[in-house]
Protein backbone atom coordinates (compact mmCIF):
# COMPACT_ATOMS: atom_id res chain seq x y z
CA UNK A 1 0.00 0.00 0.00
CA UNK A 2 1.40 3.44 -0.90
CA UNK A 3 2.39 5.89 1.77
CA UNK A 4 -0.43 8.17 2.92
CA UNK A 5 1.16 11.20 1.27
CA UNK A 6 1.30 9.37 -2.07
CA UNK A 7 -2.44 8.75 -1.82
CA UNK A 8 -3.04 12.43 -1.02
CA UNK A 9 -0.98 13.59 -4.01
CA UNK A 10 -2.56 11.02 -6.35
CA UNK A 11 -6.03 12.21 -5.27
CA UNK A 12 -5.05 15.81 -6.09
CA UNK A 13 -3.65 14.84 -9.49
CA UNK A 14 -6.82 12.88 -10.27
CA UNK A 15 -9.03 15.84 -9.26
CA UNK A 16 -6.94 18.38 -11.16
CA UNK A 17 -6.93 16.30 -14.34
CA UNK A 18 -4.58 16.57 -17.28
CA UNK A 19 -3.67 19.48 -19.52
CA UNK A 20 -5.73 22.66 -19.54
CA UNK A 21 -5.31 26.04 -21.23
CA UNK A 22 -8.43 27.99 -20.32
CA UNK A 23 -8.00 31.70 -21.19
CA UNK A 24 -10.09 32.70 -18.16
CA UNK A 25 -7.81 30.75 -15.80
CA UNK A 26 -5.28 33.14 -14.29
CA UNK A 27 -2.89 30.19 -13.90
CA UNK A 28 -2.61 29.84 -17.65
CA UNK A 29 -1.45 26.50 -19.05
CA UNK A 30 -1.63 23.76 -16.44
CA UNK A 31 -1.14 20.02 -16.35
CA UNK A 32 -2.04 17.81 -13.39
CA UNK A 33 -2.82 21.08 -11.58
CA UNK A 34 0.73 22.40 -11.97
CA UNK A 35 0.87 25.83 -13.62
CA UNK A 36 3.40 26.54 -16.31
CA UNK A 37 5.12 29.12 -14.08
CA UNK A 38 5.56 26.56 -11.28
CA UNK A 39 6.73 23.86 -13.70
CA UNK A 40 9.31 26.20 -15.26
CA UNK A 41 10.57 27.43 -11.89
CA UNK A 42 11.13 23.79 -10.97
CA UNK A 43 13.21 23.03 -14.05
CA UNK A 44 10.64 21.69 -16.51
CA UNK A 45 11.35 22.92 -20.05
CA UNK A 46 9.01 20.77 -22.14
CA UNK A 47 5.48 21.21 -23.41
CA UNK A 48 2.97 21.63 -20.58
CA UNK A 49 0.65 19.18 -22.36
CA UNK A 50 3.34 16.53 -21.85
CA UNK A 51 4.27 17.24 -18.23
CA UNK A 52 5.00 13.81 -16.70
CA UNK A 53 2.87 12.84 -13.72
CA UNK A 54 5.98 11.91 -11.75
CA UNK A 55 7.37 15.42 -12.28
CA UNK A 56 4.08 16.86 -11.01
CA UNK A 57 4.19 14.49 -8.02
CA UNK A 58 7.70 15.67 -7.13
CA UNK A 59 6.58 19.31 -7.27
CA UNK A 60 3.56 18.60 -5.08
CA UNK A 61 5.73 16.77 -2.57
CA UNK A 62 8.43 19.45 -2.36
CA UNK A 63 6.25 22.59 -2.52
CA UNK A 64 3.01 21.49 -0.88
CA UNK A 65 4.10 18.84 1.63
CA UNK A 66 7.71 19.30 2.78
CA UNK A 67 8.28 23.04 2.39
CA UNK A 68 5.16 24.09 4.38
CA UNK A 69 5.81 21.27 6.92
CA UNK A 70 2.50 19.55 6.26
CA UNK A 71 4.31 16.21 6.46
CA UNK A 72 4.56 16.86 10.23
CA UNK A 73 0.76 17.25 10.40
CA UNK A 74 0.46 13.81 8.80
CA UNK A 75 1.92 12.35 12.00
CA UNK A 76 -1.11 13.70 13.90
CA UNK A 77 -3.93 13.47 11.37
CA UNK A 78 -4.06 12.10 7.86
CA UNK A 79 -7.33 13.96 7.20
CA UNK A 80 -6.02 17.36 8.32
CA UNK A 81 -2.76 16.87 6.39
CA UNK A 82 -4.71 15.93 3.28
CA UNK A 83 -6.87 19.03 3.61
CA UNK A 84 -3.82 21.26 4.10
CA UNK A 85 -2.03 19.87 1.04
CA UNK A 86 -5.15 20.16 -1.14
CA UNK A 87 -5.93 23.67 0.09
CA UNK A 88 -2.28 24.63 -0.28
CA UNK A 89 -2.34 23.60 -3.93
CA UNK A 90 -5.44 25.71 -4.59
CA UNK A 91 -4.90 28.70 -2.30
CA UNK A 92 -1.21 28.64 -1.38
CA UNK A 93 0.42 26.71 1.44
CA UNK A 94 0.68 29.72 3.77
CA UNK A 95 -3.03 30.45 3.28
CA UNK A 96 -3.90 26.82 4.06
CA UNK A 97 -1.89 27.03 7.28
CA UNK A 98 -3.54 30.34 8.21
CA UNK A 99 -6.94 28.65 7.80
CA UNK A 100 -5.83 25.90 10.19
CA UNK A 101 -4.47 28.46 12.68
CA UNK A 102 -7.66 30.53 12.60
CA UNK A 103 -9.82 27.45 13.11
CA UNK A 104 -7.64 26.26 16.00
CA UNK A 105 -7.92 29.71 17.60
CA UNK A 106 -11.69 29.51 17.37
CA UNK A 107 -11.66 26.15 19.17
CA UNK A 108 -9.16 26.80 22.00
CA UNK A 109 -11.85 27.52 24.60
CA UNK A 110 -10.65 31.01 25.42
CA UNK A 111 -7.04 29.87 25.64
CA UNK A 112 -7.78 27.07 28.10
CA UNK A 113 -6.79 24.24 25.73
CA UNK A 114 -3.76 26.03 24.23
CA UNK A 115 -2.63 29.60 23.60
CA UNK A 116 -3.90 31.57 20.63
CA UNK A 117 -1.77 31.23 17.53
CA UNK A 118 -0.55 34.10 15.40
CA UNK A 119 -2.09 33.31 11.97
CA UNK A 120 1.22 33.70 10.15
CA UNK A 121 1.07 30.78 7.71
CA UNK A 122 3.97 28.96 9.40
CA UNK A 123 3.06 25.42 10.39
CA UNK A 124 5.76 25.43 13.07
CA UNK A 125 5.99 23.92 16.52
CA UNK A 126 3.35 26.16 18.14
CA UNK A 127 0.82 25.22 15.48
CA UNK A 128 1.73 21.54 15.81
CA UNK A 129 1.40 21.71 19.60
CA UNK A 130 -1.98 23.44 19.32
CA UNK A 131 -3.23 20.87 16.80
CA UNK A 132 -2.08 18.01 19.03
CA UNK A 133 -3.78 19.59 22.07
CA UNK A 134 -6.98 20.15 20.11
CA UNK A 135 -7.07 16.57 18.83
CA UNK A 136 -6.43 15.20 22.34
CA UNK A 137 -9.14 17.38 23.87
CA UNK A 138 -11.74 16.72 21.17
CA UNK A 139 -10.84 13.15 20.22
CA UNK A 140 -14.03 11.62 21.56
CA UNK A 141 -16.08 14.61 20.42
CA UNK A 142 -15.49 14.25 16.63
CA UNK A 143 -12.94 17.10 16.76
CA UNK A 144 -11.09 16.16 13.60
CA UNK A 145 -14.29 16.27 11.53
CA UNK A 146 -15.35 19.61 13.04
CA UNK A 147 -11.90 21.10 12.39
CA UNK A 148 -12.14 19.96 8.76
CA UNK A 149 -15.57 21.59 8.45
CA UNK A 150 -14.17 24.87 9.82
CA UNK A 151 -11.22 24.78 7.41
CA UNK A 152 -13.54 24.03 4.48
CA UNK A 153 -15.79 26.94 5.49
CA UNK A 154 -12.80 29.29 5.43
CA UNK A 155 -11.71 27.90 2.07
CA UNK A 156 -15.21 28.28 0.63
CA UNK A 157 -15.42 31.87 1.85
CA UNK A 158 -12.09 32.58 0.13
CA UNK A 159 -13.41 31.18 -3.17
CA UNK A 160 -16.57 33.28 -2.91
CA UNK A 161 -14.44 36.37 -2.21
CA UNK A 162 -12.25 35.63 -5.25
CA UNK A 163 -15.28 35.24 -7.53
CA UNK A 164 -16.89 38.37 -6.08
CA UNK A 165 -13.76 40.45 -6.60
CA UNK A 166 -12.99 39.12 -10.07
CA UNK A 167 -16.08 38.13 -12.08
CA UNK A 168 -13.98 36.23 -14.65
CA UNK A 169 -13.32 33.69 -11.90
CA UNK A 170 -17.03 33.01 -11.38
CA UNK A 171 -16.75 30.36 -14.10
CA UNK A 172 -14.55 28.32 -11.74
CA UNK A 173 -16.21 28.94 -8.37
CA UNK A 174 -18.80 26.17 -8.63
CA UNK A 175 -16.11 23.61 -9.47
CA UNK A 176 -13.84 24.83 -6.68
CA UNK A 177 -16.60 24.27 -4.16
CA UNK A 178 -17.83 21.04 -5.74
CA UNK A 179 -14.50 19.30 -5.22
C-alpha atoms as a PDB file:
ATOM      1  CA  UNK A   1       0.000   0.000   0.000  1.00  0.00           C
ATOM      2  CA  UNK A   2       1.398   3.442  -0.902  1.00  0.00           C
ATOM      3  CA  UNK A   3       2.392   5.890   1.770  1.00  0.00           C
ATOM      4  CA  UNK A   4      -0.430   8.174   2.923  1.00  0.00           C
ATOM      5  CA  UNK A   5       1.161  11.201   1.273  1.00  0.00           C
ATOM      6  CA  UNK A   6       1.297   9.367  -2.073  1.00  0.00           C
ATOM      7  CA  UNK A   7      -2.438   8.752  -1.818  1.00  0.00           C
ATOM      8  CA  UNK A   8      -3.038  12.428  -1.016  1.00  0.00           C
ATOM      9  CA  UNK A   9      -0.979  13.588  -4.010  1.00  0.00           C
ATOM     10  CA  UNK A  10      -2.561  11.025  -6.345  1.00  0.00           C
ATOM     11  CA  UNK A  11      -6.027  12.214  -5.266  1.00  0.00           C
ATOM     12  CA  UNK A  12      -5.049  15.810  -6.086  1.00  0.00           C
ATOM     13  CA  UNK A  13      -3.653  14.840  -9.493  1.00  0.00           C
ATOM     14  CA  UNK A  14      -6.823  12.881 -10.266  1.00  0.00           C
ATOM     15  CA  UNK A  15      -9.035  15.839  -9.259  1.00  0.00           C
ATOM     16  CA  UNK A  16      -6.937  18.378 -11.161  1.00  0.00           C
ATOM     17  CA  UNK A  17      -6.926  16.303 -14.344  1.00  0.00           C
ATOM     18  CA  UNK A  18      -4.579  16.575 -17.284  1.00  0.00           C
ATOM     19  CA  UNK A  19      -3.669  19.477 -19.523  1.00  0.00           C
ATOM     20  CA  UNK A  20      -5.730  22.664 -19.541  1.00  0.00           C
ATOM     21  CA  UNK A  21      -5.314  26.036 -21.229  1.00  0.00           C
ATOM     22  CA  UNK A  22      -8.433  27.992 -20.320  1.00  0.00           C
ATOM     23  CA  UNK A  23      -7.998  31.704 -21.193  1.00  0.00           C
ATOM     24  CA  UNK A  24     -10.087  32.705 -18.164  1.00  0.00           C
ATOM     25  CA  UNK A  25      -7.807  30.747 -15.800  1.00  0.00           C
ATOM     26  CA  UNK A  26      -5.276  33.139 -14.285  1.00  0.00           C
ATOM     27  CA  UNK A  27      -2.885  30.192 -13.895  1.00  0.00           C
ATOM     28  CA  UNK A  28      -2.606  29.836 -17.654  1.00  0.00           C
ATOM     29  CA  UNK A  29      -1.455  26.495 -19.047  1.00  0.00           C
ATOM     30  CA  UNK A  30      -1.631  23.756 -16.442  1.00  0.00           C
ATOM     31  CA  UNK A  31      -1.143  20.024 -16.351  1.00  0.00           C
ATOM     32  CA  UNK A  32      -2.045  17.809 -13.389  1.00  0.00           C
ATOM     33  CA  UNK A  33      -2.822  21.079 -11.579  1.00  0.00           C
ATOM     34  CA  UNK A  34       0.730  22.400 -11.973  1.00  0.00           C
ATOM     35  CA  UNK A  35       0.869  25.828 -13.616  1.00  0.00           C
ATOM     36  CA  UNK A  36       3.403  26.545 -16.311  1.00  0.00           C
ATOM     37  CA  UNK A  37       5.123  29.122 -14.083  1.00  0.00           C
ATOM     38  CA  UNK A  38       5.561  26.563 -11.279  1.00  0.00           C
ATOM     39  CA  UNK A  39       6.729  23.861 -13.696  1.00  0.00           C
ATOM     40  CA  UNK A  40       9.307  26.205 -15.262  1.00  0.00           C
ATOM     41  CA  UNK A  41      10.568  27.434 -11.888  1.00  0.00           C
ATOM     42  CA  UNK A  42      11.129  23.790 -10.970  1.00  0.00           C
ATOM     43  CA  UNK A  43      13.207  23.032 -14.050  1.00  0.00           C
ATOM     44  CA  UNK A  44      10.640  21.691 -16.505  1.00  0.00           C
ATOM     45  CA  UNK A  45      11.351  22.917 -20.046  1.00  0.00           C
ATOM     46  CA  UNK A  46       9.008  20.765 -22.140  1.00  0.00           C
ATOM     47  CA  UNK A  47       5.479  21.210 -23.405  1.00  0.00           C
ATOM     48  CA  UNK A  48       2.966  21.629 -20.580  1.00  0.00           C
ATOM     49  CA  UNK A  49       0.649  19.180 -22.356  1.00  0.00           C
ATOM     50  CA  UNK A  50       3.343  16.528 -21.850  1.00  0.00           C
ATOM     51  CA  UNK A  51       4.275  17.240 -18.227  1.00  0.00           C
ATOM     52  CA  UNK A  52       5.001  13.813 -16.702  1.00  0.00           C
ATOM     53  CA  UNK A  53       2.871  12.840 -13.715  1.00  0.00           C
ATOM     54  CA  UNK A  54       5.980  11.907 -11.754  1.00  0.00           C
ATOM     55  CA  UNK A  55       7.375  15.419 -12.279  1.00  0.00           C
ATOM     56  CA  UNK A  56       4.078  16.864 -11.011  1.00  0.00           C
ATOM     57  CA  UNK A  57       4.187  14.494  -8.019  1.00  0.00           C
ATOM     58  CA  UNK A  58       7.698  15.666  -7.128  1.00  0.00           C
ATOM     59  CA  UNK A  59       6.582  19.313  -7.269  1.00  0.00           C
ATOM     60  CA  UNK A  60       3.564  18.596  -5.079  1.00  0.00           C
ATOM     61  CA  UNK A  61       5.734  16.768  -2.571  1.00  0.00           C
ATOM     62  CA  UNK A  62       8.434  19.454  -2.361  1.00  0.00           C
ATOM     63  CA  UNK A  63       6.254  22.587  -2.518  1.00  0.00           C
ATOM     64  CA  UNK A  64       3.014  21.488  -0.884  1.00  0.00           C
ATOM     65  CA  UNK A  65       4.103  18.842   1.633  1.00  0.00           C
ATOM     66  CA  UNK A  66       7.712  19.298   2.783  1.00  0.00           C
ATOM     67  CA  UNK A  67       8.283  23.039   2.390  1.00  0.00           C
ATOM     68  CA  UNK A  68       5.162  24.088   4.382  1.00  0.00           C
ATOM     69  CA  UNK A  69       5.813  21.266   6.918  1.00  0.00           C
ATOM     70  CA  UNK A  70       2.500  19.550   6.256  1.00  0.00           C
ATOM     71  CA  UNK A  71       4.313  16.212   6.463  1.00  0.00           C
ATOM     72  CA  UNK A  72       4.562  16.862  10.226  1.00  0.00           C
ATOM     73  CA  UNK A  73       0.764  17.255  10.395  1.00  0.00           C
ATOM     74  CA  UNK A  74       0.456  13.812   8.804  1.00  0.00           C
ATOM     75  CA  UNK A  75       1.918  12.347  11.999  1.00  0.00           C
ATOM     76  CA  UNK A  76      -1.111  13.695  13.905  1.00  0.00           C
ATOM     77  CA  UNK A  77      -3.930  13.474  11.372  1.00  0.00           C
ATOM     78  CA  UNK A  78      -4.057  12.101   7.859  1.00  0.00           C
ATOM     79  CA  UNK A  79      -7.332  13.960   7.196  1.00  0.00           C
ATOM     80  CA  UNK A  80      -6.022  17.360   8.324  1.00  0.00           C
ATOM     81  CA  UNK A  81      -2.758  16.873   6.392  1.00  0.00           C
ATOM     82  CA  UNK A  82      -4.713  15.927   3.279  1.00  0.00           C
ATOM     83  CA  UNK A  83      -6.870  19.033   3.611  1.00  0.00           C
ATOM     84  CA  UNK A  84      -3.815  21.261   4.099  1.00  0.00           C
ATOM     85  CA  UNK A  85      -2.032  19.875   1.036  1.00  0.00           C
ATOM     86  CA  UNK A  86      -5.149  20.159  -1.137  1.00  0.00           C
ATOM     87  CA  UNK A  87      -5.935  23.675   0.090  1.00  0.00           C
ATOM     88  CA  UNK A  88      -2.280  24.628  -0.280  1.00  0.00           C
ATOM     89  CA  UNK A  89      -2.340  23.596  -3.926  1.00  0.00           C
ATOM     90  CA  UNK A  90      -5.436  25.708  -4.586  1.00  0.00           C
ATOM     91  CA  UNK A  91      -4.895  28.698  -2.298  1.00  0.00           C
ATOM     92  CA  UNK A  92      -1.210  28.640  -1.378  1.00  0.00           C
ATOM     93  CA  UNK A  93       0.422  26.711   1.437  1.00  0.00           C
ATOM     94  CA  UNK A  94       0.676  29.716   3.767  1.00  0.00           C
ATOM     95  CA  UNK A  95      -3.034  30.455   3.275  1.00  0.00           C
ATOM     96  CA  UNK A  96      -3.898  26.819   4.061  1.00  0.00           C
ATOM     97  CA  UNK A  97      -1.886  27.026   7.282  1.00  0.00           C
ATOM     98  CA  UNK A  98      -3.545  30.337   8.207  1.00  0.00           C
ATOM     99  CA  UNK A  99      -6.941  28.649   7.802  1.00  0.00           C
ATOM    100  CA  UNK A 100      -5.832  25.900  10.192  1.00  0.00           C
ATOM    101  CA  UNK A 101      -4.466  28.457  12.675  1.00  0.00           C
ATOM    102  CA  UNK A 102      -7.660  30.533  12.599  1.00  0.00           C
ATOM    103  CA  UNK A 103      -9.816  27.452  13.108  1.00  0.00           C
ATOM    104  CA  UNK A 104      -7.636  26.259  15.996  1.00  0.00           C
ATOM    105  CA  UNK A 105      -7.921  29.713  17.599  1.00  0.00           C
ATOM    106  CA  UNK A 106     -11.695  29.513  17.374  1.00  0.00           C
ATOM    107  CA  UNK A 107     -11.657  26.151  19.169  1.00  0.00           C
ATOM    108  CA  UNK A 108      -9.165  26.802  21.997  1.00  0.00           C
ATOM    109  CA  UNK A 109     -11.855  27.521  24.596  1.00  0.00           C
ATOM    110  CA  UNK A 110     -10.651  31.008  25.424  1.00  0.00           C
ATOM    111  CA  UNK A 111      -7.035  29.867  25.636  1.00  0.00           C
ATOM    112  CA  UNK A 112      -7.779  27.069  28.103  1.00  0.00           C
ATOM    113  CA  UNK A 113      -6.786  24.243  25.733  1.00  0.00           C
ATOM    114  CA  UNK A 114      -3.761  26.030  24.228  1.00  0.00           C
ATOM    115  CA  UNK A 115      -2.626  29.598  23.604  1.00  0.00           C
ATOM    116  CA  UNK A 116      -3.901  31.567  20.630  1.00  0.00           C
ATOM    117  CA  UNK A 117      -1.770  31.226  17.532  1.00  0.00           C
ATOM    118  CA  UNK A 118      -0.551  34.096  15.397  1.00  0.00           C
ATOM    119  CA  UNK A 119      -2.091  33.308  11.974  1.00  0.00           C
ATOM    120  CA  UNK A 120       1.220  33.696  10.152  1.00  0.00           C
ATOM    121  CA  UNK A 121       1.074  30.784   7.715  1.00  0.00           C
ATOM    122  CA  UNK A 122       3.973  28.956   9.396  1.00  0.00           C
ATOM    123  CA  UNK A 123       3.060  25.423  10.394  1.00  0.00           C
ATOM    124  CA  UNK A 124       5.757  25.429  13.067  1.00  0.00           C
ATOM    125  CA  UNK A 125       5.987  23.922  16.521  1.00  0.00           C
ATOM    126  CA  UNK A 126       3.354  26.164  18.143  1.00  0.00           C
ATOM    127  CA  UNK A 127       0.820  25.217  15.480  1.00  0.00           C
ATOM    128  CA  UNK A 128       1.729  21.541  15.809  1.00  0.00           C
ATOM    129  CA  UNK A 129       1.405  21.707  19.604  1.00  0.00           C
ATOM    130  CA  UNK A 130      -1.980  23.437  19.321  1.00  0.00           C
ATOM    131  CA  UNK A 131      -3.226  20.868  16.804  1.00  0.00           C
ATOM    132  CA  UNK A 132      -2.079  18.007  19.035  1.00  0.00           C
ATOM    133  CA  UNK A 133      -3.775  19.592  22.070  1.00  0.00           C
ATOM    134  CA  UNK A 134      -6.983  20.149  20.110  1.00  0.00           C
ATOM    135  CA  UNK A 135      -7.070  16.574  18.834  1.00  0.00           C
ATOM    136  CA  UNK A 136      -6.429  15.203  22.339  1.00  0.00           C
ATOM    137  CA  UNK A 137      -9.144  17.384  23.869  1.00  0.00           C
ATOM    138  CA  UNK A 138     -11.739  16.719  21.174  1.00  0.00           C
ATOM    139  CA  UNK A 139     -10.837  13.150  20.220  1.00  0.00           C
ATOM    140  CA  UNK A 140     -14.026  11.624  21.557  1.00  0.00           C
ATOM    141  CA  UNK A 141     -16.079  14.614  20.415  1.00  0.00           C
ATOM    142  CA  UNK A 142     -15.491  14.255  16.633  1.00  0.00           C
ATOM    143  CA  UNK A 143     -12.943  17.101  16.761  1.00  0.00           C
ATOM    144  CA  UNK A 144     -11.087  16.155  13.597  1.00  0.00           C
ATOM    145  CA  UNK A 145     -14.290  16.273  11.528  1.00  0.00           C
ATOM    146  CA  UNK A 146     -15.352  19.606  13.041  1.00  0.00           C
ATOM    147  CA  UNK A 147     -11.897  21.097  12.387  1.00  0.00           C
ATOM    148  CA  UNK A 148     -12.143  19.963   8.764  1.00  0.00           C
ATOM    149  CA  UNK A 149     -15.573  21.594   8.449  1.00  0.00           C
ATOM    150  CA  UNK A 150     -14.170  24.869   9.822  1.00  0.00           C
ATOM    151  CA  UNK A 151     -11.223  24.775   7.412  1.00  0.00           C
ATOM    152  CA  UNK A 152     -13.543  24.026   4.485  1.00  0.00           C
ATOM    153  CA  UNK A 153     -15.791  26.938   5.485  1.00  0.00           C
ATOM    154  CA  UNK A 154     -12.799  29.289   5.430  1.00  0.00           C
ATOM    155  CA  UNK A 155     -11.710  27.904   2.070  1.00  0.00           C
ATOM    156  CA  UNK A 156     -15.209  28.278   0.630  1.00  0.00           C
ATOM    157  CA  UNK A 157     -15.419  31.875   1.854  1.00  0.00           C
ATOM    158  CA  UNK A 158     -12.095  32.575   0.126  1.00  0.00           C
ATOM    159  CA  UNK A 159     -13.409  31.181  -3.165  1.00  0.00           C
ATOM    160  CA  UNK A 160     -16.575  33.279  -2.915  1.00  0.00           C
ATOM    161  CA  UNK A 161     -14.437  36.366  -2.209  1.00  0.00           C
ATOM    162  CA  UNK A 162     -12.252  35.625  -5.248  1.00  0.00           C
ATOM    163  CA  UNK A 163     -15.277  35.236  -7.526  1.00  0.00           C
ATOM    164  CA  UNK A 164     -16.890  38.374  -6.080  1.00  0.00           C
ATOM    165  CA  UNK A 165     -13.758  40.453  -6.595  1.00  0.00           C
ATOM    166  CA  UNK A 166     -12.986  39.122 -10.074  1.00  0.00           C
ATOM    167  CA  UNK A 167     -16.080  38.132 -12.083  1.00  0.00           C
ATOM    168  CA  UNK A 168     -13.976  36.233 -14.647  1.00  0.00           C
ATOM    169  CA  UNK A 169     -13.323  33.687 -11.896  1.00  0.00           C
ATOM    170  CA  UNK A 170     -17.031  33.008 -11.380  1.00  0.00           C
ATOM    171  CA  UNK A 171     -16.748  30.361 -14.100  1.00  0.00           C
ATOM    172  CA  UNK A 172     -14.551  28.324 -11.744  1.00  0.00           C
ATOM    173  CA  UNK A 173     -16.211  28.944  -8.374  1.00  0.00           C
ATOM    174  CA  UNK A 174     -18.799  26.170  -8.628  1.00  0.00           C
ATOM    175  CA  UNK A 175     -16.108  23.611  -9.471  1.00  0.00           C
ATOM    176  CA  UNK A 176     -13.841  24.830  -6.681  1.00  0.00           C
ATOM    177  CA  UNK A 177     -16.597  24.272  -4.163  1.00  0.00           C
ATOM    178  CA  UNK A 178     -17.833  21.044  -5.741  1.00  0.00           C
ATOM    179  CA  UNK A 179     -14.504  19.298  -5.216  1.00  0.00           C
END
